[in-house]
Amino acid sequence: MLSAQFIRENADRVRSDVAARGADAPIDDILTLDERRRTLIGEVEGLRAERNTASKAIGQTQDAEERTQRIEAARAVGERLDGLEDQLRETEAALQEALYEVPNILDPETPPGADESENVTVRTVGEPATFDFEPRPHWEVGEALDGIDLARGAKMSGSRFFVLRGGIARLHRAMIQWMIDCHVADGYVEHYLPYMLTEESFFASGHLPDFRENLYQDAEQDYLFVPTAEAPFANLYRDEILSPDSLPQRLVAHTPCFRREKMSAGRDTRGLKRLHQFEKVEMFVFCEPEESERELQAMVERACGLAEALEIRYRVLQLCAGDIGFKASKAYDVELWSPGVEEWLEVSSVSDTLDFQARRANVRYRPEADARPRFPHLLNGSGLGAPRALISIIENYQQADGSVAVPAVLHPYMGGAKVIEPETG
């Protein structure tokens, strides 16, 4: 969240960044409410001082009639103060609600652009897999192996649900375990997180109000299902002050993710590309502001390292202003080439939110024992998203006889199995 002070002092920049995103935000309302709040604070503080002076005078007054007059005057001040304090609370609540609607500022290096078509390719690594046959899309390969069952997923739950079976299900699990192990080996601390959070937590993480239409919610209680582990991670230290020398903290978790996908209605409906329920391994970092850019680049390289280990062609995109997320100031996508669907598929989006989420969640840290608390920077990134990584493995490692070779790095996680063949029995 941007502070009212920051918006007041940088109104032109905030307006420009909001416009560059193609978004709307109530900047004028915020400036009006902020001015009203500051005026009310001055009036409230003045009346409080007047009340305190009056109270002392009452205690020092001996004359009964004069004392009565002073009490009446103090009561009138108290009534005026109560009214102004009510106005101040209402104004502060309205200001807070308006601030929640303002997206993060953009990093100066974030390229301009209206939508994803104007994202900038930073680099492309590797060559496309070669085949002596026409590569098929993953749903055809998976169905032939009796490993992907879209029809029964839809029968049970509707469109955008699926069933994995046998070797494909095992490959999915193996891939997730391998990714977690890679991150843990490099110093990330594994976490098991709640899969449901309160609405307060989603406002703190920045997923509300912007992402509401894509969240699943419990019908009876104040619980929403996580769309990514980023949401619980952002709340891990909510309303806490971290001790000196506690940063950076590099965390990782595997969670299911639940999304309505309303914003992608009609897109990518075949196969496993856009789903209401899927798995993801998420990286998350709390760091000092001065280390923010370095941590961002390191997280991008981590995602790229997994793609290289899988020996699949990938590319890195820097997201333009019109495609970057509400919370992000600077962001990159890592995409794998999938020859069956003939598309680049995003398997990681890595974002630096600066202190945007920290302010919303009121997470602070002390640089030194007696230092004033500061807001850390929070960063998040997929490491990787399982369904699309699975798609790319299936499509890049498919073989002419219909089987799927297992990437070498996953052999130990597959009990030594090197090929996935149709299930028997």
Protein backbone atom coordinates (compact mmCIF):
# COMPACT_ATOMS: atom_id res chain seq x y z
CA MET A 1 0.00 0.00 0.00
CA LEU A 2 1.21 3.49 -0.78
CA SER A 3 0.95 5.88 2.15
CA ALA A 4 -1.22 8.97 1.93
CA GLN A 5 1.90 11.04 2.54
CA PHE A 6 3.70 9.42 -0.41
CA ILE A 7 0.72 10.04 -2.69
CA ARG A 8 0.43 13.63 -1.47
CA GLU A 9 4.13 14.29 -2.12
CA ASN A 10 4.28 12.33 -5.41
CA ALA A 11 0.78 12.79 -6.83
CA ASP A 12 1.94 13.33 -10.42
CA ARG A 13 4.10 10.20 -10.42
CA VAL A 14 1.34 8.07 -8.89
CA ARG A 15 -1.19 9.32 -11.43
CA SER A 16 1.26 8.65 -14.25
CA ASP A 17 2.00 5.10 -13.04
CA VAL A 18 -1.70 4.31 -12.63
CA ALA A 19 -2.36 5.57 -16.17
CA ALA A 20 0.59 3.55 -17.53
CA ARG A 21 -1.00 0.41 -16.07
CA GLY A 22 -4.29 1.24 -17.79
CA ALA A 23 -5.86 1.25 -14.32
CA ASP A 24 -8.05 3.54 -12.26
CA ALA A 25 -7.46 4.76 -8.72
CA PRO A 26 -9.20 7.42 -6.60
CA ILE A 27 -6.19 9.74 -6.30
CA ASP A 28 -8.25 12.95 -6.10
CA ASP A 29 -10.47 11.42 -3.42
CA ILE A 30 -7.40 10.37 -1.46
CA LEU A 31 -5.91 13.85 -1.58
CA THR A 32 -9.22 15.37 -0.44
CA LEU A 33 -9.63 12.83 2.37
CA ASP A 34 -6.00 13.25 3.42
CA GLU A 35 -6.39 17.03 3.66
CA ARG A 36 -9.64 16.58 5.62
CA ARG A 37 -7.94 14.09 7.96
CA ARG A 38 -5.02 16.41 8.67
CA THR A 39 -7.40 19.30 9.33
CA LEU A 40 -9.46 17.19 11.72
CA ILE A 41 -6.34 15.98 13.51
CA GLY A 42 -5.33 19.59 14.14
CA GLU A 43 -8.80 20.46 15.43
CA VAL A 44 -8.98 17.34 17.61
CA GLU A 45 -5.57 17.96 19.12
CA GLY A 46 -6.53 21.59 19.79
CA LEU A 47 -9.73 20.57 21.56
CA ARG A 48 -7.93 17.90 23.57
CA ALA A 49 -5.46 20.51 24.78
CA GLU A 50 -8.36 22.87 25.58
CA ARG A 51 -10.14 20.10 27.51
CA ASN A 52 -7.01 19.29 29.50
CA THR A 53 -6.52 22.96 30.38
CA ALA A 54 -10.18 23.22 31.41
CA SER A 55 -9.93 20.10 33.59
CA LYS A 56 -6.93 21.50 35.44
CA ALA A 57 -8.74 24.82 35.93
CA ILE A 58 -11.78 23.05 37.39
CA GLY A 59 -9.60 21.33 39.95
CA GLN A 60 -8.08 24.65 40.99
CA THR A 61 -11.37 26.59 41.21
CA GLN A 62 -12.79 27.15 44.70
CA ASP A 63 -15.83 29.24 43.85
CA ALA A 64 -18.86 26.96 43.34
CA GLU A 65 -20.56 29.10 40.70
CA GLU A 66 -17.36 29.55 38.73
CA ARG A 67 -16.65 25.84 39.06
CA THR A 68 -20.10 25.03 37.62
CA GLN A 69 -19.48 27.34 34.68
CA ARG A 70 -16.12 25.75 34.01
CA ILE A 71 -17.65 22.25 34.15
CA GLU A 72 -20.33 23.27 31.64
CA ALA A 73 -17.72 24.78 29.37
CA ALA A 74 -15.58 21.64 29.62
CA ARG A 75 -18.62 19.51 28.82
CA ALA A 76 -19.29 21.57 25.69
CA VAL A 77 -15.67 21.11 24.62
CA GLY A 78 -16.03 17.35 25.22
CA GLU A 79 -19.14 17.17 23.07
CA ARG A 80 -17.45 19.04 20.25
CA LEU A 81 -14.43 16.75 20.62
CA ASP A 82 -16.59 13.62 20.47
CA GLY A 83 -18.17 14.83 17.25
CA LEU A 84 -14.83 15.63 15.64
CA GLU A 85 -13.33 12.30 16.73
CA ASP A 86 -16.24 10.52 15.06
CA GLN A 87 -15.60 12.52 11.90
CA LEU A 88 -11.89 11.71 12.11
CA ARG A 89 -12.56 7.97 12.44
CA GLU A 90 -14.95 8.04 9.48
CA THR A 91 -12.49 10.02 7.39
CA GLU A 92 -9.59 7.70 8.26
CA ALA A 93 -11.70 4.64 7.40
CA ALA A 94 -12.69 6.14 4.04
CA LEU A 95 -9.06 7.09 3.35
CA GLN A 96 -7.85 3.58 4.18
CA GLU A 97 -10.46 2.05 1.88
CA ALA A 98 -9.41 4.37 -0.95
CA LEU A 99 -5.71 3.63 -0.42
CA TYR A 100 -6.40 -0.09 -0.83
CA GLU A 101 -7.45 0.63 -4.43
CA VAL A 102 -4.17 2.22 -5.50
CA PRO A 103 -1.66 -0.10 -7.21
CA ASN A 104 2.05 -0.01 -6.49
CA ILE A 105 4.37 2.47 -8.13
CA LEU A 106 6.29 1.26 -11.15
CA ASP A 107 10.03 0.78 -11.13
CA PRO A 108 11.66 3.21 -13.59
CA GLU A 109 12.99 0.17 -15.47
CA THR A 110 9.52 -1.28 -16.03
CA PRO A 111 8.95 -0.89 -19.77
CA PRO A 112 5.87 0.93 -21.10
CA GLY A 113 3.22 -1.11 -22.86
CA ALA A 114 -0.51 -1.68 -22.93
CA ASP A 115 -0.67 -5.45 -22.50
CA GLU A 116 1.26 -8.72 -22.56
CA SER A 117 2.04 -8.32 -26.26
CA GLU A 118 4.45 -5.52 -25.31
CA ASN A 119 6.42 -7.43 -22.68
CA VAL A 120 10.15 -7.32 -23.39
CA THR A 121 12.11 -10.51 -24.08
CA VAL A 122 15.26 -10.36 -21.97
CA ARG A 123 16.78 -13.59 -23.26
CA THR A 124 15.94 -16.95 -24.80
CA VAL A 125 17.98 -20.01 -23.80
CA GLY A 126 18.22 -23.40 -25.48
CA GLU A 127 17.00 -24.91 -28.71
CA PRO A 128 13.57 -26.36 -29.40
CA ALA A 129 13.28 -30.12 -28.97
CA THR A 130 13.44 -31.96 -32.29
CA PHE A 131 11.12 -34.78 -33.31
CA ASP A 132 10.92 -37.20 -36.23
CA PHE A 133 7.14 -37.17 -35.81
CA GLU A 134 4.47 -34.51 -35.30
CA PRO A 135 4.48 -33.64 -31.58
CA ARG A 136 1.09 -33.86 -29.95
CA PRO A 137 -0.45 -31.62 -27.26
CA HIS A 138 -0.20 -32.87 -23.69
CA TRP A 139 -3.85 -33.82 -23.38
CA GLU A 140 -3.55 -36.25 -26.29
CA VAL A 141 -0.30 -37.72 -24.96
CA GLY A 142 -1.73 -37.95 -21.44
CA GLU A 143 -4.98 -39.53 -22.53
CA ALA A 144 -3.14 -42.13 -24.62
CA LEU A 145 -1.06 -43.01 -21.53
CA ASP A 146 -4.23 -43.14 -19.42
CA GLY A 147 -2.52 -40.51 -17.29
CA ILE A 148 -4.63 -37.36 -17.86
CA ASP A 149 -8.39 -37.67 -17.53
CA LEU A 150 -10.13 -34.38 -18.28
CA ALA A 151 -13.54 -35.93 -18.82
CA ARG A 152 -13.79 -37.45 -15.35
CA GLY A 153 -12.43 -34.28 -13.77
CA ALA A 154 -15.19 -32.34 -15.53
CA LYS A 155 -17.79 -34.94 -14.53
CA MET A 156 -16.93 -34.49 -10.86
CA SER A 157 -16.29 -30.75 -10.71
CA GLY A 158 -16.99 -29.08 -14.05
CA SER A 159 -14.65 -27.53 -16.58
CA ARG A 160 -11.03 -26.69 -15.73
CA PHE A 161 -10.65 -29.65 -13.38
CA PHE A 162 -8.69 -32.82 -14.10
CA VAL A 163 -7.54 -36.20 -12.85
CA LEU A 164 -3.95 -37.45 -13.09
CA ARG A 165 -3.23 -41.16 -12.91
CA GLY A 166 -0.32 -43.57 -12.74
CA GLY A 167 3.01 -42.44 -14.14
CA ILE A 168 1.80 -38.92 -14.97
CA ALA A 169 0.51 -38.43 -11.41
CA ARG A 170 3.83 -39.69 -10.10
CA LEU A 171 5.73 -37.38 -12.45
CA HIS A 172 3.67 -34.45 -11.14
CA ARG A 173 4.50 -35.34 -7.52
CA ALA A 174 8.16 -36.02 -8.33
CA MET A 175 8.54 -32.66 -10.04
CA ILE A 176 7.13 -30.80 -7.02
CA GLN A 177 9.36 -32.67 -4.57
CA TRP A 178 12.42 -32.04 -6.72
CA MET A 179 11.69 -28.31 -6.91
CA ILE A 180 11.25 -28.02 -3.14
CA ASP A 181 14.48 -29.95 -2.54
CA CYS A 182 16.35 -27.65 -4.92
CA HIS A 183 15.22 -24.54 -3.07
CA VAL A 184 15.88 -26.02 0.37
CA ALA A 185 19.38 -27.08 -0.69
CA ASP A 186 20.05 -23.44 -1.57
CA GLY A 187 18.98 -22.11 1.81
CA TYR A 188 15.26 -21.53 1.43
CA VAL A 189 13.29 -22.57 4.53
CA GLU A 190 10.38 -24.88 3.74
CA HIS A 191 6.97 -23.99 5.17
CA TYR A 192 3.60 -25.66 5.41
CA LEU A 193 0.96 -22.93 5.18
CA PRO A 194 -2.81 -22.53 5.63
CA TYR A 195 -4.78 -23.01 2.45
CA MET A 196 -7.56 -20.69 3.69
CA LEU A 197 -7.14 -17.15 4.98
CA THR A 198 -9.37 -14.46 6.41
CA GLU A 199 -10.45 -11.47 4.38
CA GLU A 200 -8.20 -9.31 6.56
CA SER A 201 -5.22 -11.39 5.43
CA PHE A 202 -6.11 -10.93 1.77
CA PHE A 203 -6.29 -7.16 2.20
CA ALA A 204 -2.89 -7.31 3.90
CA SER A 205 -1.34 -9.30 1.04
CA GLY A 206 -2.83 -6.97 -1.58
CA HIS A 207 -5.09 -9.58 -3.21
CA LEU A 208 -8.12 -7.58 -2.07
CA PRO A 209 -9.88 -5.64 -3.35
CA ASP A 210 -8.28 -6.07 -6.80
CA PHE A 211 -8.37 -9.89 -7.09
CA ARG A 212 -11.71 -10.57 -5.38
CA GLU A 213 -13.59 -11.91 -8.41
CA ASN A 214 -10.99 -14.65 -8.83
CA LEU A 215 -11.05 -15.88 -5.22
CA TYR A 216 -13.07 -18.81 -3.91
CA GLN A 217 -14.79 -18.12 -0.59
CA ASP A 218 -16.33 -20.30 2.09
CA ALA A 219 -20.09 -19.79 2.08
CA GLU A 220 -20.51 -19.67 5.87
CA GLN A 221 -17.26 -18.34 7.36
CA ASP A 222 -14.76 -15.58 6.68
CA TYR A 223 -12.36 -17.81 4.77
CA LEU A 224 -11.02 -17.43 1.25
CA PHE A 225 -8.94 -20.09 -0.49
CA VAL A 226 -5.39 -19.16 -1.39
CA PRO A 227 -4.66 -18.43 -5.07
CA THR A 228 -0.93 -18.75 -4.30
CA ALA A 229 1.33 -19.22 -1.26
CA GLU A 230 2.29 -15.56 -1.67
CA ALA A 231 -0.86 -14.60 0.27
CA PRO A 232 -0.08 -16.52 3.50
CA PHE A 233 3.63 -15.71 3.25
CA ALA A 234 2.86 -11.97 3.13
CA ASN A 235 0.90 -12.40 6.38
CA LEU A 236 3.46 -14.55 8.17
CA TYR A 237 4.84 -11.64 10.22
CA ARG A 238 1.82 -9.36 10.05
CA ASP A 239 1.85 -6.71 12.81
CA GLU A 240 5.28 -7.86 13.95
CA ILE A 241 8.67 -6.17 14.21
CA LEU A 242 11.49 -8.47 13.12
CA SER A 243 14.70 -8.39 15.13
CA PRO A 244 18.04 -7.06 13.89
CA ASP A 245 20.02 -9.43 11.67
CA SER A 246 16.86 -11.45 10.86
CA LEU A 247 16.90 -10.46 7.18
CA PRO A 248 17.01 -11.68 4.53
CA GLN A 249 14.54 -14.49 4.99
CA ARG A 250 14.14 -16.79 2.00
CA LEU A 251 11.11 -19.07 2.25
CA VAL A 252 9.51 -21.76 0.10
CA ALA A 253 6.23 -23.65 0.20
CA HIS A 254 4.17 -25.99 -1.90
CA THR A 255 0.43 -25.36 -1.87
CA PRO A 256 -2.62 -26.07 -3.94
CA CYS A 257 -3.93 -22.88 -5.53
CA PHE A 258 -7.57 -22.04 -6.19
CA ARG A 259 -8.68 -19.47 -8.77
CA ARG A 260 -11.97 -18.74 -10.49
CA GLU A 261 -10.08 -17.63 -13.63
CA LYS A 262 -12.85 -15.17 -14.49
CA MET A 263 -10.31 -12.82 -16.05
CA SER A 264 -9.33 -15.53 -18.52
CA ALA A 265 -12.82 -16.61 -19.53
CA GLY A 266 -12.75 -18.26 -22.94
CA ARG A 267 -8.94 -18.53 -23.04
CA ASP A 268 -6.79 -21.66 -22.90
CA THR A 269 -9.68 -23.95 -22.02
CA ARG A 270 -8.09 -27.15 -23.32
CA GLY A 271 -5.80 -29.27 -21.24
CA LEU A 272 -4.02 -28.10 -18.10
CA LYS A 273 -3.14 -24.53 -19.01
CA ARG A 274 -5.75 -22.64 -16.95
CA LEU A 275 -7.32 -24.42 -14.03
CA HIS A 276 -9.45 -23.71 -10.98
CA GLN A 277 -7.22 -25.95 -8.82
CA PHE A 278 -3.52 -26.54 -9.34
CA GLU A 279 -0.23 -26.94 -7.46
CA LYS A 280 2.62 -24.49 -7.20
CA VAL A 281 5.95 -24.14 -5.43
CA GLU A 282 6.39 -20.56 -4.28
CA MET A 283 9.52 -18.65 -3.32
CA PHE A 284 9.16 -15.68 -0.98
CA VAL A 285 11.73 -13.22 0.37
CA PHE A 286 11.78 -10.62 3.14
CA CYS A 287 14.80 -8.36 2.73
CA GLU A 288 16.18 -4.93 3.48
CA PRO A 289 15.25 -2.33 0.84
CA GLU A 290 18.85 -1.99 -0.31
CA GLU A 291 18.95 -5.70 -1.23
CA SER A 292 15.65 -5.74 -3.11
CA GLU A 293 16.96 -5.64 -6.68
CA ARG A 294 19.65 -8.23 -6.00
CA GLU A 295 17.11 -10.61 -4.48
CA LEU A 296 14.77 -10.10 -7.44
CA GLN A 297 17.43 -11.04 -9.96
CA ALA A 298 18.51 -14.02 -7.84
CA MET A 299 14.94 -15.34 -7.77
CA VAL A 300 14.67 -15.01 -11.54
CA GLU A 301 17.89 -16.98 -11.91
CA ARG A 302 16.55 -19.67 -9.57
CA ALA A 303 13.50 -20.15 -11.77
CA CYS A 304 15.74 -20.22 -14.86
CA GLY A 305 17.99 -22.76 -13.19
CA LEU A 306 15.10 -25.18 -12.81
CA ALA A 307 14.23 -24.79 -16.48
CA GLU A 308 17.85 -25.47 -17.43
CA ALA A 309 17.98 -28.54 -15.19
CA LEU A 310 14.90 -29.88 -16.99
CA GLU A 311 16.75 -29.22 -20.27
CA ILE A 312 13.81 -27.38 -21.77
CA ARG A 313 14.07 -24.24 -23.88
CA TYR A 314 12.98 -21.17 -21.94
CA ARG A 315 12.81 -17.42 -22.16
CA VAL A 316 12.69 -14.53 -19.70
CA LEU A 317 10.30 -11.61 -20.20
CA GLN A 318 10.23 -8.33 -18.35
CA LEU A 319 6.61 -7.36 -17.84
CA CYS A 320 5.44 -4.03 -19.19
CA ALA A 321 3.36 -1.51 -17.27
CA GLY A 322 0.08 -2.75 -18.76
CA ASP A 323 0.68 -6.40 -17.79
CA ILE A 324 2.39 -6.14 -14.42
CA GLY A 325 0.43 -7.17 -11.33
CA PHE A 326 -1.36 -4.76 -8.99
CA LYS A 327 1.19 -5.29 -6.19
CA ALA A 328 4.36 -5.44 -8.26
CA SER A 329 6.75 -2.62 -9.03
CA LYS A 330 8.99 -4.71 -11.29
CA ALA A 331 8.40 -8.23 -12.54
CA TYR A 332 9.70 -10.95 -14.83
CA ASP A 333 8.08 -14.06 -16.29
CA VAL A 334 9.94 -17.27 -17.10
CA GLU A 335 8.31 -19.30 -19.86
CA LEU A 336 8.92 -22.82 -21.18
CA TRP A 337 8.47 -23.71 -24.83
CA SER A 338 5.84 -26.39 -25.34
CA PRO A 339 5.92 -27.89 -28.85
CA GLY A 340 2.58 -29.71 -28.67
CA VAL A 341 0.52 -26.59 -28.12
CA GLU A 342 3.19 -24.52 -29.90
CA GLU A 343 3.21 -21.90 -27.15
CA TRP A 344 5.42 -20.32 -24.56
CA LEU A 345 3.89 -21.20 -21.18
CA GLU A 346 4.52 -19.10 -18.10
CA VAL A 347 5.88 -21.28 -15.30
CA SER A 348 7.17 -18.51 -13.04
CA SER A 349 6.33 -14.89 -12.40
CA VAL A 350 8.81 -13.14 -10.11
CA SER A 351 7.84 -9.81 -8.58
CA ASP A 352 9.34 -7.15 -6.35
CA THR A 353 6.58 -5.40 -4.39
CA LEU A 354 9.00 -3.04 -2.58
CA ASP A 355 7.40 -2.13 0.78
CA PHE A 356 3.86 -2.21 -0.70
CA GLN A 357 2.82 -5.47 0.98
CA ALA A 358 4.85 -4.78 4.12
CA ARG A 359 2.89 -1.56 4.72
CA ARG A 360 -0.44 -3.30 4.17
CA ALA A 361 0.53 -6.13 6.54
CA ASN A 362 2.38 -3.80 8.94
CA VAL A 363 5.53 -5.94 8.82
CA ARG A 364 8.59 -4.07 10.07
CA TYR A 365 12.16 -4.79 11.12
CA ARG A 366 14.87 -3.08 13.15
CA PRO A 367 18.18 -2.64 11.28
CA GLU A 368 19.88 -2.34 14.70
CA ALA A 369 18.85 -2.94 18.30
CA ASP A 370 17.79 0.63 19.08
CA ALA A 371 16.97 1.71 15.54
CA ARG A 372 13.58 2.93 14.42
CA PRO A 373 11.59 0.16 12.67
CA ARG A 374 11.56 0.15 8.87
CA PHE A 375 9.39 -1.61 6.33
CA PRO A 376 11.21 -4.48 4.57
CA HIS A 377 10.78 -5.28 0.91
CA LEU A 378 8.77 -8.40 0.01
CA LEU A 379 9.34 -10.43 -3.14
CA ASN A 380 7.59 -13.48 -4.52
CA GLY A 381 8.08 -15.89 -7.39
CA SER A 382 6.91 -19.27 -8.63
CA GLY A 383 9.51 -21.93 -8.41
CA LEU A 384 7.72 -23.39 -10.47
CA GLY A 385 4.03 -23.63 -11.30
CA ALA A 386 3.34 -27.35 -11.57
CA PRO A 387 0.66 -27.73 -14.27
CA ARG A 388 2.45 -25.80 -16.99
CA ALA A 389 5.83 -27.27 -16.09
CA LEU A 390 4.18 -30.69 -16.34
CA ILE A 391 2.72 -29.74 -19.73
CA SER A 392 6.12 -28.73 -21.02
CA ILE A 393 7.82 -31.89 -19.75
CA ILE A 394 5.18 -34.12 -21.37
CA GLU A 395 5.31 -32.27 -24.68
CA ASN A 396 9.10 -31.91 -24.88
CA TYR A 397 9.84 -35.48 -23.73
CA GLN A 398 7.13 -37.32 -25.69
CA GLN A 399 8.36 -40.17 -27.88
CA ALA A 400 7.19 -41.65 -31.14
CA ASP A 401 5.70 -44.75 -29.47
CA GLY A 402 3.49 -42.59 -27.26
CA SER A 403 5.58 -42.91 -24.11
CA VAL A 404 7.17 -39.98 -22.26
CA ALA A 405 10.81 -39.95 -21.21
CA VAL A 406 11.52 -38.71 -17.71
CA PRO A 407 14.00 -35.80 -17.40
CA ALA A 408 17.27 -37.04 -15.91
CA VAL A 409 17.00 -34.83 -12.79
CA LEU A 410 13.71 -36.52 -11.91
CA HIS A 411 14.91 -40.13 -12.18
CA PRO A 412 15.69 -40.40 -8.44
CA TYR A 413 12.21 -39.05 -7.64
CA MET A 414 10.54 -41.60 -9.91
CA GLY A 415 12.08 -44.62 -8.23
CA GLY A 416 14.56 -44.83 -11.08
CA ALA A 417 11.88 -44.98 -13.76
CA LYS A 418 13.12 -43.35 -16.97
CA VAL A 419 10.04 -43.73 -19.15
CA ILE A 420 6.30 -43.36 -18.57
CA GLU A 421 4.33 -45.91 -20.55
CA PRO A 422 0.60 -46.71 -20.66
CA GLU A 423 -0.81 -48.14 -17.47
CA THR A 424 -1.76 -51.82 -17.59
CA GLY A 425 -4.34 -53.69 -15.62
